[in-house]
Amino acid sequence: PPLVLIHGMTVSSTMWFANAPEWSQHFRVFAIDII
């Protein structure tokens, strides 16, 4: 199942470094860099 991640302001998708390894075991993860 698709899981879309939207990071906090003044960072980027790499803020999910502590979470994506776990969540991607169950989901197709799409971490989007806010334009």
PDB file of all heavy atoms in Angstrom:
ATOM      1  N   PRO A   1       0.833  -1.213   0.000  1.00  0.00           N
ATOM      2  CA  PRO A   1       0.000   0.000   0.000  1.00  0.00           C
ATOM      3  C   PRO A   1       0.863   1.257   0.000  1.00  0.00           C
ATOM      4  O   PRO A   1       1.918   1.295   0.650  1.00  0.00           O
ATOM      5  CB  PRO A   1      -0.802  -0.121   1.305  1.00  0.00           C
ATOM      6  CG  PRO A   1      -0.745  -1.557   1.678  1.00  0.00           C
ATOM      7  CD  PRO A   1       0.554  -2.077   1.163  1.00  0.00           C
ATOM      8  N   PRO A   2       0.443   2.312  -0.717  1.00  0.00           N
ATOM      9  CA  PRO A   2       1.258   3.531  -0.809  1.00  0.00           C
ATOM     10  C   PRO A   2       1.187   4.391   0.446  1.00  0.00           C
ATOM     11  O   PRO A   2       0.108   4.708   0.943  1.00  0.00           O
ATOM     12  CB  PRO A   2       0.662   4.264  -2.009  1.00  0.00           C
ATOM     13  CG  PRO A   2      -0.756   3.788  -2.091  1.00  0.00           C
ATOM     14  CD  PRO A   2      -0.750   2.376  -1.595  1.00  0.00           C
ATOM     15  N   LEU A   3       2.351   4.770   0.940  1.00  0.00           N
ATOM     16  CA  LEU A   3       2.479   5.657   2.090  1.00  0.00           C
ATOM     17  C   LEU A   3       3.261   6.887   1.651  1.00  0.00           C
ATOM     18  O   LEU A   3       4.431   6.788   1.267  1.00  0.00           O
ATOM     19  CB  LEU A   3       3.211   4.953   3.238  1.00  0.00           C
ATOM     20  CG  LEU A   3       3.592   5.804   4.457  1.00  0.00           C
ATOM     21  CD1 LEU A   3       2.373   6.441   5.092  1.00  0.00           C
ATOM     22  CD2 LEU A   3       4.348   4.956   5.487  1.00  0.00           C
ATOM     23  N   VAL A   4       2.620   8.051   1.677  1.00  0.00           N
ATOM     24  CA  VAL A   4       3.232   9.302   1.235  1.00  0.00           C
ATOM     25  C   VAL A   4       3.661  10.100   2.462  1.00  0.00           C
ATOM     26  O   VAL A   4       2.872  10.289   3.397  1.00  0.00           O
ATOM     27  CB  VAL A   4       2.250  10.114   0.369  1.00  0.00           C
ATOM     28  CG1 VAL A   4       2.847  11.471   0.008  1.00  0.00           C
ATOM     29  CG2 VAL A   4       1.882   9.332  -0.886  1.00  0.00           C
ATOM     30  N   LEU A   5       4.911  10.565   2.458  1.00  0.00           N
ATOM     31  CA  LEU A   5       5.472  11.306   3.585  1.00  0.00           C
ATOM     32  C   LEU A   5       5.744  12.750   3.173  1.00  0.00           C
ATOM     33  O   LEU A   5       6.372  13.005   2.143  1.00  0.00           O
ATOM     34  CB  LEU A   5       6.784  10.659   4.049  1.00  0.00           C
ATOM     35  CG  LEU A   5       6.749   9.165   4.376  1.00  0.00           C
ATOM     36  CD1 LEU A   5       8.139   8.692   4.817  1.00  0.00           C
ATOM     37  CD2 LEU A   5       5.713   8.867   5.455  1.00  0.00           C
ATOM     38  N   ILE A   6       5.285  13.704   4.003  1.00  0.00           N
ATOM     39  CA  ILE A   6       5.503  15.125   3.770  1.00  0.00           C
ATOM     40  C   ILE A   6       6.293  15.689   4.955  1.00  0.00           C
ATOM     41  O   ILE A   6       5.792  15.714   6.084  1.00  0.00           O
ATOM     42  CB  ILE A   6       4.168  15.895   3.614  1.00  0.00           C
ATOM     43  CG1 ILE A   6       3.253  15.217   2.588  1.00  0.00           C
ATOM     44  CG2 ILE A   6       4.445  17.347   3.240  1.00  0.00           C
ATOM     45  CD1 ILE A   6       3.737  15.278   1.170  1.00  0.00           C
ATOM     46  N   HIS A   7       7.506  16.116   4.694  1.00  0.00           N
ATOM     47  CA  HIS A   7       8.424  16.526   5.763  1.00  0.00           C
ATOM     48  C   HIS A   7       8.067  17.894   6.351  1.00  0.00           C
ATOM     49  O   HIS A   7       7.248  18.643   5.811  1.00  0.00           O
ATOM     50  CB  HIS A   7       9.860  16.552   5.237  1.00  0.00           C
ATOM     51  CG  HIS A   7      10.079  17.540   4.126  1.00  0.00           C
ATOM     52  ND1 HIS A   7      10.262  18.887   4.345  1.00  0.00           N
ATOM     53  CD2 HIS A   7      10.153  17.372   2.775  1.00  0.00           C
ATOM     54  CE1 HIS A   7      10.437  19.515   3.204  1.00  0.00           C
ATOM     55  NE2 HIS A   7      10.366  18.621   2.224  1.00  0.00           N
ATOM     56  N   GLY A   8       8.723  18.231   7.450  1.00  0.00           N
ATOM     57  CA  GLY A   8       8.556  19.537   8.076  1.00  0.00           C
ATOM     58  C   GLY A   8       9.302  20.614   7.313  1.00  0.00           C
ATOM     59  O   GLY A   8      10.216  20.340   6.526  1.00  0.00           O
ATOM     60  N   MET A   9       8.936  21.849   7.566  1.00  0.00           N
ATOM     61  CA  MET A   9       9.540  22.974   6.850  1.00  0.00           C
ATOM     62  C   MET A   9      10.992  23.170   7.273  1.00  0.00           C
ATOM     63  O   MET A   9      11.360  22.935   8.424  1.00  0.00           O
ATOM     64  CB  MET A   9       8.741  24.250   7.123  1.00  0.00           C
ATOM     65  CG  MET A   9       9.045  25.383   6.175  1.00  0.00           C
ATOM     66  SD  MET A   9       7.827  26.723   6.358  1.00  0.00           S
ATOM     67  CE  MET A   9       8.443  27.883   5.140  1.00  0.00           C
ATOM     68  N   THR A  10      11.816  23.606   6.343  1.00  0.00           N
ATOM     69  CA  THR A  10      13.250  23.881   6.485  1.00  0.00           C
ATOM     70  C   THR A  10      14.070  22.619   6.757  1.00  0.00           C
ATOM     71  O   THR A  10      15.181  22.695   7.256  1.00  0.00           O
ATOM     72  CB  THR A  10      13.572  24.954   7.560  1.00  0.00           C
ATOM     73  OG1 THR A  10      13.305  24.443   8.864  1.00  0.00           O
ATOM     74  CG2 THR A  10      12.789  26.232   7.309  1.00  0.00           C
ATOM     75  N   VAL A  11      13.528  21.474   6.381  1.00  0.00           N
ATOM     76  CA  VAL A  11      14.330  20.248   6.299  1.00  0.00           C
ATOM     77  C   VAL A  11      14.049  19.639   4.922  1.00  0.00           C
ATOM     78  O   VAL A  11      13.788  20.340   3.972  1.00  0.00           O
ATOM     79  CB  VAL A  11      14.053  19.267   7.461  1.00  0.00           C
ATOM     80  CG1 VAL A  11      14.647  19.788   8.741  1.00  0.00           C
ATOM     81  CG2 VAL A  11      12.571  19.004   7.650  1.00  0.00           C
ATOM     82  N   SER A  12      14.116  18.330   4.825  1.00  0.00           N
ATOM     83  CA  SER A  12      13.802  17.652   3.570  1.00  0.00           C
ATOM     84  C   SER A  12      13.355  16.240   3.910  1.00  0.00           C
ATOM     85  O   SER A  12      13.230  15.876   5.083  1.00  0.00           O
ATOM     86  CB  SER A  12      15.025  17.610   2.639  1.00  0.00           C
ATOM     87  OG  SER A  12      15.948  16.640   3.108  1.00  0.00           O
ATOM     88  N   SER A  13      13.164  15.416   2.886  1.00  0.00           N
ATOM     89  CA  SER A  13      12.693  14.055   3.112  1.00  0.00           C
ATOM     90  C   SER A  13      13.672  13.200   3.912  1.00  0.00           C
ATOM     91  O   SER A  13      13.277  12.163   4.449  1.00  0.00           O
ATOM     92  CB  SER A  13      12.402  13.373   1.775  1.00  0.00           C
ATOM     93  OG  SER A  13      11.253  13.937   1.177  1.00  0.00           O
ATOM     94  N   THR A  14      14.923  13.622   4.000  1.00  0.00           N
ATOM     95  CA  THR A  14      15.858  12.833   4.802  1.00  0.00           C
ATOM     96  C   THR A  14      15.546  12.897   6.293  1.00  0.00           C
ATOM     97  O   THR A  14      16.138  12.152   7.076  1.00  0.00           O
ATOM     98  CB  THR A  14      17.315  13.272   4.554  1.00  0.00           C
ATOM     99  OG1 THR A  14      17.415  14.671   4.748  1.00  0.00           O
ATOM    100  CG2 THR A  14      17.746  12.919   3.147  1.00  0.00           C
ATOM    101  N   MET A  15      14.608  13.754   6.710  1.00  0.00           N
ATOM    102  CA  MET A  15      14.197  13.747   8.119  1.00  0.00           C
ATOM    103  C   MET A  15      13.552  12.421   8.507  1.00  0.00           C
ATOM    104  O   MET A  15      13.459  12.088   9.688  1.00  0.00           O
ATOM    105  CB  MET A  15      13.220  14.883   8.410  1.00  0.00           C
ATOM    106  CG  MET A  15      11.855  14.749   7.772  1.00  0.00           C
ATOM    107  SD  MET A  15      10.516  15.593   8.695  1.00  0.00           S
ATOM    108  CE  MET A  15      10.189  14.407  10.006  1.00  0.00           C
ATOM    109  N   TRP A  16      13.132  11.625   7.507  1.00  0.00           N
ATOM    110  CA  TRP A  16      12.481  10.343   7.767  1.00  0.00           C
ATOM    111  C   TRP A  16      13.484   9.201   7.920  1.00  0.00           C
ATOM    112  O   TRP A  16      13.093   8.029   7.889  1.00  0.00           O
ATOM    113  CB  TRP A  16      11.497  10.021   6.645  1.00  0.00           C
ATOM    114  CG  TRP A  16      10.454  11.073   6.415  1.00  0.00           C
ATOM    115  CD1 TRP A  16      10.335  11.907   5.336  1.00  0.00           C
ATOM    116  CD2 TRP A  16       9.348  11.403   7.271  1.00  0.00           C
ATOM    117  NE1 TRP A  16       9.249  12.734   5.467  1.00  0.00           N
ATOM    118  CE2 TRP A  16       8.612  12.450   6.651  1.00  0.00           C
ATOM    119  CE3 TRP A  16       8.896  10.914   8.508  1.00  0.00           C
ATOM    120  CZ2 TRP A  16       7.478  13.021   7.221  1.00  0.00           C
ATOM    121  CZ3 TRP A  16       7.778  11.488   9.076  1.00  0.00           C
ATOM    122  CH2 TRP A  16       7.076  12.517   8.434  1.00  0.00           C
ATOM    123  N   PHE A  17      14.762   9.519   8.098  1.00  0.00           N
ATOM    124  CA  PHE A  17      15.791   8.479   8.185  1.00  0.00           C
ATOM    125  C   PHE A  17      15.519   7.486   9.318  1.00  0.00           C
ATOM    126  O   PHE A  17      15.920   6.326   9.241  1.00  0.00           O
ATOM    127  CB  PHE A  17      17.176   9.127   8.395  1.00  0.00           C
ATOM    128  CG  PHE A  17      17.418   9.622   9.801  1.00  0.00           C
ATOM    129  CD1 PHE A  17      18.116   8.861  10.720  1.00  0.00           C
ATOM    130  CD2 PHE A  17      16.929  10.848  10.207  1.00  0.00           C
ATOM    131  CE1 PHE A  17      18.326   9.312  12.017  1.00  0.00           C
ATOM    132  CE2 PHE A  17      17.135  11.316  11.493  1.00  0.00           C
ATOM    133  CZ  PHE A  17      17.834  10.540  12.412  1.00  0.00           C
ATOM    134  N   ALA A  18      14.858   7.941  10.365  1.00  0.00           N
ATOM    135  CA  ALA A  18      14.593   7.075  11.514  1.00  0.00           C
ATOM    136  C   ALA A  18      13.296   6.281  11.362  1.00  0.00           C
ATOM    137  O   ALA A  18      13.014   5.402  12.182  1.00  0.00           O
ATOM    138  CB  ALA A  18      14.533   7.914  12.793  1.00  0.00           C
ATOM    139  N   ASN A  19      12.519   6.572  10.339  1.00  0.00           N
ATOM    140  CA  ASN A  19      11.177   5.985  10.200  1.00  0.00           C
ATOM    141  C   ASN A  19      11.001   5.152   8.940  1.00  0.00           C
ATOM    142  O   ASN A  19      10.381   4.086   8.983  1.00  0.00           O
ATOM    143  CB  ASN A  19      10.136   7.106  10.206  1.00  0.00           C
ATOM    144  CG  ASN A  19      10.435   8.180  11.235  1.00  0.00           C
ATOM    145  OD1 ASN A  19      10.795   9.295  10.882  1.00  0.00           O
ATOM    146  ND2 ASN A  19      10.332   7.857  12.508  1.00  0.00           N
ATOM    147  N   ALA A  20      11.529   5.623   7.818  1.00  0.00           N
ATOM    148  CA  ALA A  20      11.320   4.937   6.542  1.00  0.00           C
ATOM    149  C   ALA A  20      11.817   3.496   6.532  1.00  0.00           C
ATOM    150  O   ALA A  20      11.170   2.623   5.939  1.00  0.00           O
ATOM    151  CB  ALA A  20      11.966   5.733   5.403  1.00  0.00           C
ATOM    152  N   PRO A  21      12.953   3.164   7.174  1.00  0.00           N
ATOM    153  CA  PRO A  21      13.377   1.764   7.175  1.00  0.00           C
ATOM    154  C   PRO A  21      12.342   0.816   7.791  1.00  0.00           C
ATOM    155  O   PRO A  21      12.181  -0.318   7.328  1.00  0.00           O
ATOM    156  CB  PRO A  21      14.665   1.786   8.003  1.00  0.00           C
ATOM    157  CG  PRO A  21      15.203   3.163   7.810  1.00  0.00           C
ATOM    158  CD  PRO A  21      13.982   4.042   7.773  1.00  0.00           C
ATOM    159  N   GLU A  22      11.629   1.301   8.799  1.00  0.00           N
ATOM    160  CA  GLU A  22      10.587   0.475   9.431  1.00  0.00           C
ATOM    161  C   GLU A  22       9.312   0.474   8.604  1.00  0.00           C
ATOM    162  O   GLU A  22       8.735  -0.580   8.313  1.00  0.00           O
ATOM    163  CB  GLU A  22      10.307   1.008  10.839  1.00  0.00           C
ATOM    164  CG  GLU A  22       9.101   0.394  11.526  1.00  0.00           C
ATOM    165  CD  GLU A  22       9.221  -1.106  11.762  1.00  0.00           C
ATOM    166  OE1 GLU A  22      10.358  -1.591  11.913  1.00  0.00           O
ATOM    167  OE2 GLU A  22       8.167  -1.787  11.784  1.00  0.00           O
ATOM    168  N   TRP A  23       8.840   1.650   8.205  1.00  0.00           N
ATOM    169  CA  TRP A  23       7.566   1.733   7.478  1.00  0.00           C
ATOM    170  C   TRP A  23       7.640   1.066   6.116  1.00  0.00           C
ATOM    171  O   TRP A  23       6.646   0.517   5.638  1.00  0.00           O
ATOM    172  CB  TRP A  23       7.144   3.192   7.338  1.00  0.00           C
ATOM    173  CG  TRP A  23       6.815   3.850   8.651  1.00  0.00           C
ATOM    174  CD1 TRP A  23       6.476   3.216   9.815  1.00  0.00           C
ATOM    175  CD2 TRP A  23       6.806   5.241   8.945  1.00  0.00           C
ATOM    176  NE1 TRP A  23       6.255   4.133  10.820  1.00  0.00           N
ATOM    177  CE2 TRP A  23       6.449   5.387  10.315  1.00  0.00           C
ATOM    178  CE3 TRP A  23       7.066   6.387   8.197  1.00  0.00           C
ATOM    179  CZ2 TRP A  23       6.337   6.618  10.934  1.00  0.00           C
ATOM    180  CZ3 TRP A  23       6.964   7.629   8.815  1.00  0.00           C
ATOM    181  CH2 TRP A  23       6.601   7.747  10.168  1.00  0.00           C
ATOM    182  N   SER A  24       8.818   1.077   5.491  1.00  0.00           N
ATOM    183  CA  SER A  24       8.941   0.490   4.154  1.00  0.00           C
ATOM    184  C   SER A  24       8.923  -1.037   4.180  1.00  0.00           C
ATOM    185  O   SER A  24       8.922  -1.674   3.129  1.00  0.00           O
ATOM    186  CB  SER A  24      10.217   0.985   3.471  1.00  0.00           C
ATOM    187  OG  SER A  24      11.370   0.597   4.194  1.00  0.00           O
ATOM    188  N   GLN A  25       8.891  -1.630   5.345  1.00  0.00           N
ATOM    189  CA  GLN A  25       8.687  -3.085   5.428  1.00  0.00           C
ATOM    190  C   GLN A  25       7.229  -3.448   5.154  1.00  0.00           C
ATOM    191  O   GLN A  25       6.929  -4.586   4.784  1.00  0.00           O
ATOM    192  CB  GLN A  25       9.097  -3.606   6.812  1.00  0.00           C
ATOM    193  CG  GLN A  25      10.588  -3.472   7.099  1.00  0.00           C
ATOM    194  CD  GLN A  25      10.961  -4.028   8.458  1.00  0.00           C
ATOM    195  OE1 GLN A  25      10.428  -5.054   8.892  1.00  0.00           O
ATOM    196  NE2 GLN A  25      11.862  -3.357   9.151  1.00  0.00           N
ATOM    197  N   HIS A  26       6.338  -2.493   5.337  1.00  0.00           N
ATOM    198  CA  HIS A  26       4.898  -2.743   5.202  1.00  0.00           C
ATOM    199  C   HIS A  26       4.254  -1.942   4.066  1.00  0.00           C
ATOM    200  O   HIS A  26       3.158  -2.280   3.631  1.00  0.00           O
ATOM    201  CB  HIS A  26       4.189  -2.396   6.511  1.00  0.00           C
ATOM    202  CG  HIS A  26       4.792  -3.028   7.713  1.00  0.00           C
ATOM    203  ND1 HIS A  26       4.577  -4.344   8.053  1.00  0.00           N
ATOM    204  CD2 HIS A  26       5.631  -2.513   8.660  1.00  0.00           C
ATOM    205  CE1 HIS A  26       5.249  -4.626   9.167  1.00  0.00           C
ATOM    206  NE2 HIS A  26       5.882  -3.539   9.559  1.00  0.00           N
ATOM    207  N   PHE A  27       4.934  -0.862   3.638  1.00  0.00           N
ATOM    208  CA  PHE A  27       4.338   0.057   2.674  1.00  0.00           C
ATOM    209  C   PHE A  27       5.323   0.385   1.555  1.00  0.00           C
ATOM    210  O   PHE A  27       6.541   0.260   1.728  1.00  0.00           O
ATOM    211  CB  PHE A  27       3.924   1.371   3.359  1.00  0.00           C
ATOM    212  CG  PHE A  27       3.011   1.192   4.535  1.00  0.00           C
ATOM    213  CD1 PHE A  27       3.514   1.193   5.829  1.00  0.00           C
ATOM    214  CD2 PHE A  27       1.650   1.005   4.348  1.00  0.00           C
ATOM    215  CE1 PHE A  27       2.674   1.023   6.919  1.00  0.00           C
ATOM    216  CE2 PHE A  27       0.805   0.832   5.426  1.00  0.00           C
ATOM    217  CZ  PHE A  27       1.306   0.837   6.719  1.00  0.00           C
ATOM    218  N   ARG A  28       4.790   0.819   0.425  1.00  0.00           N
ATOM    219  CA  ARG A  28       5.592   1.444  -0.611  1.00  0.00           C
ATOM    220  C   ARG A  28       5.674   2.915  -0.244  1.00  0.00           C
ATOM    221  O   ARG A  28       4.660   3.640  -0.286  1.00  0.00           O
ATOM    222  CB  ARG A  28       4.921   1.257  -1.980  1.00  0.00           C
ATOM    223  CG  ARG A  28       5.691   1.861  -3.142  1.00  0.00           C
ATOM    224  CD  ARG A  28       6.958   1.097  -3.450  1.00  0.00           C
ATOM    225  NE  ARG A  28       7.481   1.456  -4.781  1.00  0.00           N
ATOM    226  CZ  ARG A  28       8.664   1.074  -5.233  1.00  0.00           C
ATOM    227  NH1 ARG A  28       9.456   0.333  -4.456  1.00  0.00           N
ATOM    228  NH2 ARG A  28       9.062   1.410  -6.448  1.00  0.00           N
ATOM    229  N   VAL A  29       6.833   3.374   0.170  1.00  0.00           N
ATOM    230  CA  VAL A  29       7.001   4.709   0.730  1.00  0.00           C
ATOM    231  C   VAL A  29       7.410   5.702  -0.352  1.00  0.00           C
ATOM    232  O   VAL A  29       8.330   5.443  -1.134  1.00  0.00           O
ATOM    233  CB  VAL A  29       8.048   4.694   1.863  1.00  0.00           C
ATOM    234  CG1 VAL A  29       8.371   6.115   2.325  1.00  0.00           C
ATOM    235  CG2 VAL A  29       7.546   3.859   3.040  1.00  0.00           C
ATOM    236  N   PHE A  30       6.720   6.847  -0.362  1.00  0.00           N
ATOM    237  CA  PHE A  30       7.026   7.951  -1.276  1.00  0.00           C
ATOM    238  C   PHE A  30       7.290   9.194  -0.424  1.00  0.00           C
ATOM    239  O   PHE A  30       6.353   9.801   0.093  1.00  0.00           O
ATOM    240  CB  PHE A  30       5.862   8.202  -2.235  1.00  0.00           C
ATOM    241  CG  PHE A  30       5.512   7.024  -3.098  1.00  0.00           C
ATOM    242  CD1 PHE A  30       4.667   6.024  -2.626  1.00  0.00           C
ATOM    243  CD2 PHE A  30       6.020   6.915  -4.381  1.00  0.00           C
ATOM    244  CE1 PHE A  30       4.335   4.930  -3.416  1.00  0.00           C
ATOM    245  CE2 PHE A  30       5.699   5.816  -5.178  1.00  0.00           C
ATOM    246  CZ  PHE A  30       4.855   4.830  -4.701  1.00  0.00           C
ATOM    247  N   ALA A  31       8.562   9.543  -0.245  1.00  0.00           N
ATOM    248  CA  ALA A  31       8.937  10.707   0.559  1.00  0.00           C
ATOM    249  C   ALA A  31       9.166  11.883  -0.383  1.00  0.00           C
ATOM    250  O   ALA A  31      10.085  11.880  -1.203  1.00  0.00           O
ATOM    251  CB  ALA A  31      10.198  10.410   1.368  1.00  0.00           C
ATOM    252  N   ILE A  32       8.312  12.896  -0.270  1.00  0.00           N
ATOM    253  CA  ILE A  32       8.293  14.015  -1.216  1.00  0.00           C
ATOM    254  C   ILE A  32       9.000  15.231  -0.619  1.00  0.00           C
ATOM    255  O   ILE A  32       8.693  15.651   0.494  1.00  0.00           O
ATOM    256  CB  ILE A  32       6.836  14.387  -1.566  1.00  0.00           C
ATOM    257  CG1 ILE A  32       6.114  13.183  -2.194  1.00  0.00           C
ATOM    258  CG2 ILE A  32       6.793  15.586  -2.498  1.00  0.00           C
ATOM    259  CD1 ILE A  32       4.626  13.421  -2.427  1.00  0.00           C
ATOM    260  N   ASP A  33       9.953  15.787  -1.376  1.00  0.00           N
ATOM    261  CA  ASP A  33      10.565  17.055  -0.988  1.00  0.00           C
ATOM    262  C   ASP A  33       9.624  18.190  -1.384  1.00  0.00           C
ATOM    263  O   ASP A  33       9.364  18.402  -2.577  1.00  0.00           O
ATOM    264  CB  ASP A  33      11.908  17.250  -1.696  1.00  0.00           C
ATOM    265  CG  ASP A  33      13.056  16.526  -1.002  1.00  0.00           C
ATOM    266  OD1 ASP A  33      12.823  15.960   0.071  1.00  0.00           O
ATOM    267  OD2 ASP A  33      14.176  16.541  -1.544  1.00  0.00           O
ATOM    268  N   ILE A  34       9.126  18.915  -0.397  1.00  0.00           N
ATOM    269  CA  ILE A  34       8.193  20.012  -0.667  1.00  0.00           C
ATOM    270  C   ILE A  34       8.867  21.038  -1.581  1.00  0.00           C
ATOM    271  O   ILE A  34       9.983  21.494  -1.307  1.00  0.00           O
ATOM    272  CB  ILE A  34       7.749  20.691   0.637  1.00  0.00           C
ATOM    273  CG1 ILE A  34       7.017  19.695   1.540  1.00  0.00           C
ATOM    274  CG2 ILE A  34       6.859  21.895   0.345  1.00  0.00           C
ATOM    275  CD1 ILE A  34       6.752  20.230   2.937  1.00  0.00           C
ATOM    276  N   ILE A  35       8.192  21.386  -2.643  1.00  0.00           N
ATOM    277  CA  ILE A  35       8.766  22.349  -3.584  1.00  0.00           C
ATOM    278  C   ILE A  35       8.799  23.734  -2.943  1.00  0.00           C
ATOM    279  O   ILE A  35       7.861  24.142  -2.256  1.00  0.00           O
ATOM    280  CB  ILE A  35       7.973  22.333  -4.911  1.00  0.00           C
ATOM    281  CG1 ILE A  35       8.861  22.808  -6.060  1.00  0.00           C
ATOM    282  CG2 ILE A  35       6.683  23.118  -4.815  1.00  0.00           C
ATOM    283  CD1 ILE A  35       8.420  22.315  -7.418  1.00  0.00           C
TER     284      ILE A  35
END
